[in-house]
Amino acid sequence: MNNVNLERLNTFVVAALAPTFSEAARRRSLSVSAISQQVRALEGELGHPLFERLGRRVRLTAEGRQLLDVVRTHLGAIDEAISQLGERKRVVAGRVTVGCPRTFGQHWLMPRLAPLLARAPGLSLKFVFAVPSVLESQLLGGELDLAVLTRPPEAAALESEVLTYEAFVAVAAAKARFGALDEASARRLSWVVFAEDRPMHEAWWSATFGAQRRGDVNVVVEAASLEWMLELVVRGVGVAVLPDYLVAPALARRALKRLPLRPRRAERSAIHVAWRRGVVPTARLNAVRDAIASPRP
């Protein structure tokens, strides 16, 4: 019985209740020969004849009547349960946990996910802010459903696509005054950097002064917050390298200006959204991922 095919059981019930196999074929959208083949296959699985022929007519055997009495009700309940599961898969509801960098999440994710939440009242989101290595580990461990990473995922068990690119810009307060800057004089400036590893600073420095150059500079503030760095630069505390999307409003209102140094090559970093390879694509996961990947909010 463990090998009995559910599709054949459904065909048997329809054939048993229909006046003819032709009518059963119409109801199942199959040919008459397909109905006969499925019934014969089911009889082979069960080891009992379910129909007997009387001239041109067929009727249920005793075993067929017994099987019909048992399965017709239960098959209806199974079909209803499967239908409900299928409908639930199409409904955008439930929780999705997203890991991302705090500042990029505010500027990119928030404008894209707020409209989705308005359209799908059954959806809830949880955000986790951390560095890429932590986010990738949590994604692999199942603590996150999606992760926004400032680099490609390293684990083979993860898939990803590029959301956008961020460029790095060296900025100073609008009132700051500089003469001609070279590498040596740039090192002597007062710098505001992001933590000890200074990923944006080092990327910009090597793009400006050469791939093998390190940005060992006069650090006045280490701040693991891009917003703090931006505010400190606006207030004239120092200069800093920041993402273009973050400094664009301050540049537009002339609260900041670019350092008079131009990189030899454009320095930009790809932002990825990542998920576990082979994950079941629920409606809520697809909806959140599609919203995050949208080029426009």
Protein backbone atom coordinates (compact mmCIF):
# COMPACT_ATOMS: atom_id res chain seq x y z
CA MET A 1 0.00 0.00 0.00
CA ASN A 2 2.94 2.35 0.54
CA ASN A 3 3.49 2.37 -3.23
CA VAL A 4 -0.10 3.21 -4.19
CA ASN A 5 -0.21 6.22 -6.51
CA LEU A 6 -2.47 9.06 -5.32
CA GLU A 7 -3.23 10.14 -8.89
CA ARG A 8 -4.50 6.64 -9.71
CA LEU A 9 -6.66 6.61 -6.60
CA ASN A 10 -8.26 9.86 -7.74
CA THR A 11 -8.88 8.37 -11.19
CA PHE A 12 -10.41 5.28 -9.60
CA VAL A 13 -12.86 7.33 -7.52
CA VAL A 14 -13.95 9.38 -10.55
CA ALA A 15 -14.32 6.22 -12.68
CA ALA A 16 -16.30 4.46 -9.92
CA LEU A 17 -18.75 7.37 -9.57
CA ALA A 18 -19.11 8.18 -13.28
CA PRO A 19 -21.71 6.30 -15.35
CA THR A 20 -19.08 5.32 -17.95
CA PHE A 21 -15.33 5.42 -18.44
CA SER A 22 -15.97 7.94 -21.23
CA GLU A 23 -17.59 10.30 -18.73
CA ALA A 24 -14.78 9.65 -16.25
CA ALA A 25 -12.26 10.55 -18.98
CA ARG A 26 -14.10 13.83 -19.61
CA ARG A 27 -14.13 14.71 -15.92
CA ARG A 28 -10.42 13.93 -15.56
CA SER A 29 -9.47 15.57 -18.88
CA LEU A 30 -7.88 12.28 -19.98
CA SER A 31 -8.48 9.79 -22.75
CA VAL A 32 -10.55 6.64 -22.12
CA SER A 33 -7.44 4.51 -22.66
CA ALA A 34 -5.56 6.57 -20.04
CA ILE A 35 -8.39 5.95 -17.54
CA SER A 36 -8.22 2.21 -18.27
CA GLN A 37 -4.44 2.14 -17.96
CA GLN A 38 -4.50 3.94 -14.59
CA VAL A 39 -7.20 1.59 -13.26
CA ARG A 40 -5.25 -1.50 -14.39
CA ALA A 41 -2.08 -0.11 -12.82
CA LEU A 42 -3.90 0.49 -9.53
CA GLU A 43 -5.32 -3.03 -9.60
CA GLY A 44 -1.77 -4.30 -10.08
CA GLU A 45 -0.55 -2.25 -7.10
CA LEU A 46 -3.36 -3.54 -4.86
CA GLY A 47 -3.43 -7.13 -6.15
CA HIS A 48 -7.24 -7.09 -6.56
CA PRO A 49 -9.62 -6.44 -9.47
CA LEU A 50 -11.64 -3.27 -8.86
CA PHE A 51 -13.99 -3.43 -11.87
CA GLU A 52 -15.60 -6.30 -13.75
CA ARG A 53 -17.01 -6.19 -17.26
CA LEU A 54 -20.57 -7.18 -18.03
CA GLY A 55 -20.86 -6.98 -21.82
CA ARG A 56 -20.13 -3.35 -22.69
CA ARG A 57 -20.63 -2.18 -19.11
CA VAL A 58 -18.30 -2.24 -16.16
CA ARG A 59 -19.17 -2.33 -12.50
CA LEU A 60 -17.31 -2.34 -9.22
CA THR A 61 -16.21 -5.59 -7.66
CA ALA A 62 -16.74 -6.14 -3.94
CA GLU A 63 -13.15 -5.03 -3.36
CA GLY A 64 -13.76 -1.97 -5.52
CA ARG A 65 -16.85 -0.97 -3.50
CA GLN A 66 -14.95 -1.46 -0.25
CA LEU A 67 -12.06 0.71 -1.49
CA LEU A 68 -14.41 3.41 -2.77
CA ASP A 69 -16.22 3.64 0.58
CA VAL A 70 -12.93 4.21 2.40
CA VAL A 71 -10.99 6.49 0.09
CA ARG A 72 -13.59 8.85 -1.40
CA THR A 73 -13.95 10.87 1.81
CA HIS A 74 -10.28 10.84 2.66
CA LEU A 75 -9.16 11.78 -0.85
CA GLY A 76 -11.47 14.78 -0.70
CA ALA A 77 -9.83 15.90 2.54
CA ILE A 78 -6.35 15.35 1.05
CA ASP A 79 -7.23 17.36 -2.07
CA GLU A 80 -8.56 20.17 0.11
CA ALA A 81 -5.44 20.19 2.27
CA ILE A 82 -3.18 20.27 -0.81
CA SER A 83 -5.27 23.06 -2.31
CA GLN A 84 -4.96 25.10 0.88
CA LEU A 85 -1.19 24.58 0.97
CA GLY A 86 -0.92 25.68 -2.64
CA GLU A 87 -2.95 28.79 -1.90
CA ARG A 88 -0.85 29.53 1.17
CA LYS A 89 2.29 29.30 -0.99
CA ARG A 90 0.93 32.09 -3.17
CA VAL A 91 0.04 34.38 -0.25
CA VAL A 92 2.72 36.84 0.86
CA ALA A 93 2.48 36.29 4.61
CA GLY A 94 4.76 35.27 7.47
CA ARG A 95 8.17 36.47 8.64
CA VAL A 96 11.31 37.06 6.58
CA THR A 97 14.58 37.86 8.37
CA VAL A 98 16.98 40.08 6.43
CA GLY A 99 20.57 40.86 7.35
CA CYS A 100 22.19 44.00 5.97
CA PRO A 101 24.59 46.86 6.66
CA ARG A 102 22.73 49.43 8.74
CA THR A 103 23.30 52.51 6.56
CA PHE A 104 22.83 50.82 3.20
CA GLY A 105 19.69 49.18 4.54
CA GLN A 106 18.26 52.56 5.46
CA HIS A 107 19.03 54.08 2.06
CA TRP A 108 18.26 51.12 -0.21
CA LEU A 109 16.02 48.60 1.57
CA MET A 110 13.67 50.90 3.44
CA PRO A 111 12.25 52.71 0.38
CA ARG A 112 11.74 49.37 -1.40
CA LEU A 113 10.30 47.30 1.43
CA ALA A 114 7.94 49.86 2.97
CA PRO A 115 5.55 49.71 -0.06
CA LEU A 116 5.66 45.89 0.02
CA LEU A 117 4.65 45.88 3.69
CA ALA A 118 1.74 48.18 2.85
CA ARG A 119 0.57 45.81 0.09
CA ALA A 120 1.02 42.63 2.16
CA PRO A 121 -0.38 43.16 5.67
CA GLY A 122 0.35 39.53 6.58
CA LEU A 123 4.09 39.99 5.98
CA SER A 124 6.51 40.82 8.79
CA LEU A 125 10.20 41.61 8.54
CA LYS A 126 13.07 41.31 10.99
CA PHE A 127 16.33 43.16 10.27
CA VAL A 128 19.76 42.18 11.56
CA PHE A 129 22.70 44.59 11.18
CA ALA A 130 26.22 43.16 11.05
CA VAL A 131 29.42 42.93 9.00
CA PRO A 132 29.47 40.63 5.92
CA SER A 133 31.28 37.73 7.60
CA VAL A 134 28.71 37.58 10.40
CA LEU A 135 25.77 37.94 8.02
CA GLU A 136 27.08 35.16 5.79
CA SER A 137 27.53 32.85 8.79
CA GLN A 138 24.01 33.57 10.02
CA LEU A 139 22.58 33.00 6.54
CA LEU A 140 24.30 29.63 6.31
CA GLY A 141 23.05 28.73 9.79
CA GLY A 142 19.44 29.48 8.93
CA GLU A 143 19.16 32.51 11.21
CA LEU A 144 18.63 34.74 8.16
CA ASP A 145 16.50 34.22 5.07
CA LEU A 146 18.31 36.85 3.00
CA ALA A 147 21.54 38.79 3.48
CA VAL A 148 22.75 41.98 1.80
CA LEU A 149 26.53 41.78 1.51
CA THR A 150 29.10 44.37 0.45
CA ARG A 151 31.07 41.58 -1.25
CA PRO A 152 30.21 38.33 -3.07
CA PRO A 153 29.33 35.45 -0.73
CA GLU A 154 32.26 33.11 -0.13
CA ALA A 155 30.34 29.91 0.70
CA ALA A 156 29.41 27.61 -2.20
CA ALA A 157 26.09 26.86 -0.46
CA LEU A 158 24.93 30.44 -1.13
CA GLU A 159 23.59 32.09 -4.28
CA SER A 160 23.50 35.82 -4.92
CA GLU A 161 22.80 38.57 -7.41
CA VAL A 162 24.18 42.10 -7.65
CA LEU A 163 21.80 44.79 -6.39
CA THR A 164 23.81 47.88 -7.22
CA TYR A 165 27.26 49.40 -6.94
CA GLU A 166 28.50 51.93 -4.41
CA ALA A 167 31.36 54.29 -5.22
CA PHE A 168 33.65 55.73 -2.56
CA VAL A 169 34.18 59.50 -2.32
CA ALA A 170 36.72 61.43 -0.24
CA VAL A 171 34.99 64.49 1.26
CA ALA A 172 35.69 67.43 3.54
CA ALA A 173 33.63 70.21 5.11
CA ALA A 174 32.60 72.93 2.66
CA LYS A 175 34.65 75.52 4.56
CA ALA A 176 37.86 73.44 4.51
CA ARG A 177 40.75 74.93 2.58
CA PHE A 178 43.43 72.90 0.81
CA GLY A 179 46.40 73.72 -1.29
CA ALA A 180 47.72 71.28 -3.83
CA LEU A 181 47.42 67.78 -2.39
CA ASP A 182 49.70 64.85 -3.07
CA GLU A 183 50.05 61.53 -1.29
CA ALA A 184 52.32 62.87 1.44
CA SER A 185 50.18 65.91 2.28
CA ALA A 186 47.01 63.75 2.14
CA ARG A 187 48.49 61.49 4.83
CA ARG A 188 48.91 64.51 7.13
CA LEU A 189 45.26 65.54 6.94
CA SER A 190 42.98 64.78 9.90
CA TRP A 191 41.06 61.62 8.92
CA VAL A 192 37.83 60.13 10.21
CA VAL A 193 37.82 56.38 9.46
CA PHE A 194 35.45 53.45 9.81
CA ALA A 195 36.91 51.18 12.51
CA GLU A 196 40.41 49.71 12.33
CA ASP A 197 40.32 47.88 9.00
CA ARG A 198 39.14 51.00 7.12
CA PRO A 199 37.72 49.11 4.10
CA MET A 200 36.40 52.16 2.19
CA HIS A 201 39.45 54.27 3.02
CA GLU A 202 41.92 51.63 1.84
CA ALA A 203 39.96 50.97 -1.38
CA TRP A 204 39.88 54.68 -2.23
CA TRP A 205 43.54 55.17 -1.31
CA SER A 206 44.80 52.36 -3.56
CA ALA A 207 42.59 53.59 -6.43
CA THR A 208 44.00 57.13 -6.03
CA PHE A 209 47.67 56.55 -5.34
CA GLY A 210 48.29 53.04 -6.70
CA ALA A 211 47.18 49.48 -6.07
CA GLN A 212 50.08 48.67 -3.75
CA ARG A 213 49.80 51.81 -1.59
CA ARG A 214 48.43 51.67 1.96
CA GLY A 215 46.47 54.52 3.44
CA ASP A 216 48.41 55.02 6.66
CA VAL A 217 47.14 58.43 7.71
CA ASN A 218 46.66 60.76 10.65
CA VAL A 219 43.51 59.32 12.24
CA VAL A 220 41.60 61.62 14.59
CA VAL A 221 38.42 59.56 14.95
CA GLU A 222 37.51 55.89 14.46
CA ALA A 223 33.74 55.55 14.25
CA ALA A 224 31.90 52.34 13.34
CA SER A 225 28.98 54.40 12.04
CA LEU A 226 28.82 56.01 8.62
CA GLU A 227 26.30 58.58 9.89
CA TRP A 228 28.69 59.65 12.65
CA MET A 229 31.52 59.92 10.15
CA LEU A 230 29.38 62.09 7.88
CA GLU A 231 28.36 64.42 10.72
CA LEU A 232 31.94 64.74 11.95
CA VAL A 233 33.14 65.73 8.48
CA VAL A 234 30.32 68.26 8.04
CA ARG A 235 31.35 69.79 11.38
CA GLY A 236 34.94 70.15 10.19
CA VAL A 237 36.53 67.56 12.48
CA GLY A 238 38.32 65.85 9.60
CA VAL A 239 38.05 64.36 6.13
CA ALA A 240 36.73 60.89 5.27
CA VAL A 241 35.97 58.38 2.53
CA LEU A 242 32.25 57.57 2.39
CA PRO A 243 29.79 55.92 -0.01
CA ASP A 244 28.46 58.15 -2.77
CA TYR A 245 24.79 57.56 -1.89
CA LEU A 246 25.41 58.80 1.66
CA VAL A 247 27.26 62.02 0.80
CA ALA A 248 25.18 63.00 -2.25
CA PRO A 249 22.59 65.10 -0.31
CA ALA A 250 25.30 66.98 1.65
CA LEU A 251 27.26 67.63 -1.55
CA ALA A 252 24.11 68.89 -3.25
CA ARG A 253 23.39 71.39 -0.47
CA ARG A 254 27.09 72.31 -0.32
CA ALA A 255 27.65 71.19 3.23
CA LEU A 256 30.51 69.03 1.88
CA LYS A 257 32.97 69.16 -0.97
CA ARG A 258 35.20 66.57 -2.58
CA LEU A 259 38.89 66.47 -1.78
CA PRO A 260 40.91 67.92 -4.68
CA LEU A 261 42.26 64.47 -5.52
CA ARG A 262 40.99 62.31 -8.35
CA PRO A 263 41.42 58.53 -8.25
CA ARG A 264 43.36 56.99 -11.12
CA ARG A 265 40.55 54.48 -11.55
CA ALA A 266 36.91 54.39 -10.51
CA GLU A 267 36.63 52.62 -7.19
CA ARG A 268 33.27 50.99 -6.64
CA SER A 269 31.99 47.98 -4.77
CA ALA A 270 29.19 45.61 -5.75
CA ILE A 271 26.36 45.11 -3.26
CA HIS A 272 24.86 41.61 -3.33
CA VAL A 273 21.68 40.01 -2.00
CA ALA A 274 22.34 36.38 -1.03
CA TRP A 275 20.24 33.36 -0.07
CA ARG A 276 20.81 29.66 0.61
CA ARG A 277 21.15 27.52 -2.50
CA GLY A 278 18.17 25.20 -2.98
CA VAL A 279 15.93 26.99 -0.48
CA VAL A 280 12.18 26.47 -1.05
CA PRO A 281 10.99 29.69 -2.77
CA THR A 282 8.00 30.74 -0.67
CA ALA A 283 5.84 33.64 -1.81
CA ARG A 284 7.07 35.84 1.04
CA LEU A 285 10.75 35.13 0.30
CA ASN A 286 10.28 35.81 -3.41
CA ALA A 287 8.36 39.02 -2.73
CA VAL A 288 11.01 40.40 -0.37
CA ARG A 289 13.89 39.39 -2.65
CA ASP A 290 12.17 40.93 -5.69
CA ALA A 291 11.52 44.16 -3.79
CA ILE A 292 15.13 44.38 -2.61
CA ALA A 293 16.40 43.75 -6.13
CA SER A 294 14.17 46.39 -7.69
CA PRO A 295 16.26 49.12 -9.39
CA ARG A 296 13.70 51.72 -8.31
CA PRO A 297 11.78 51.98 -5.01
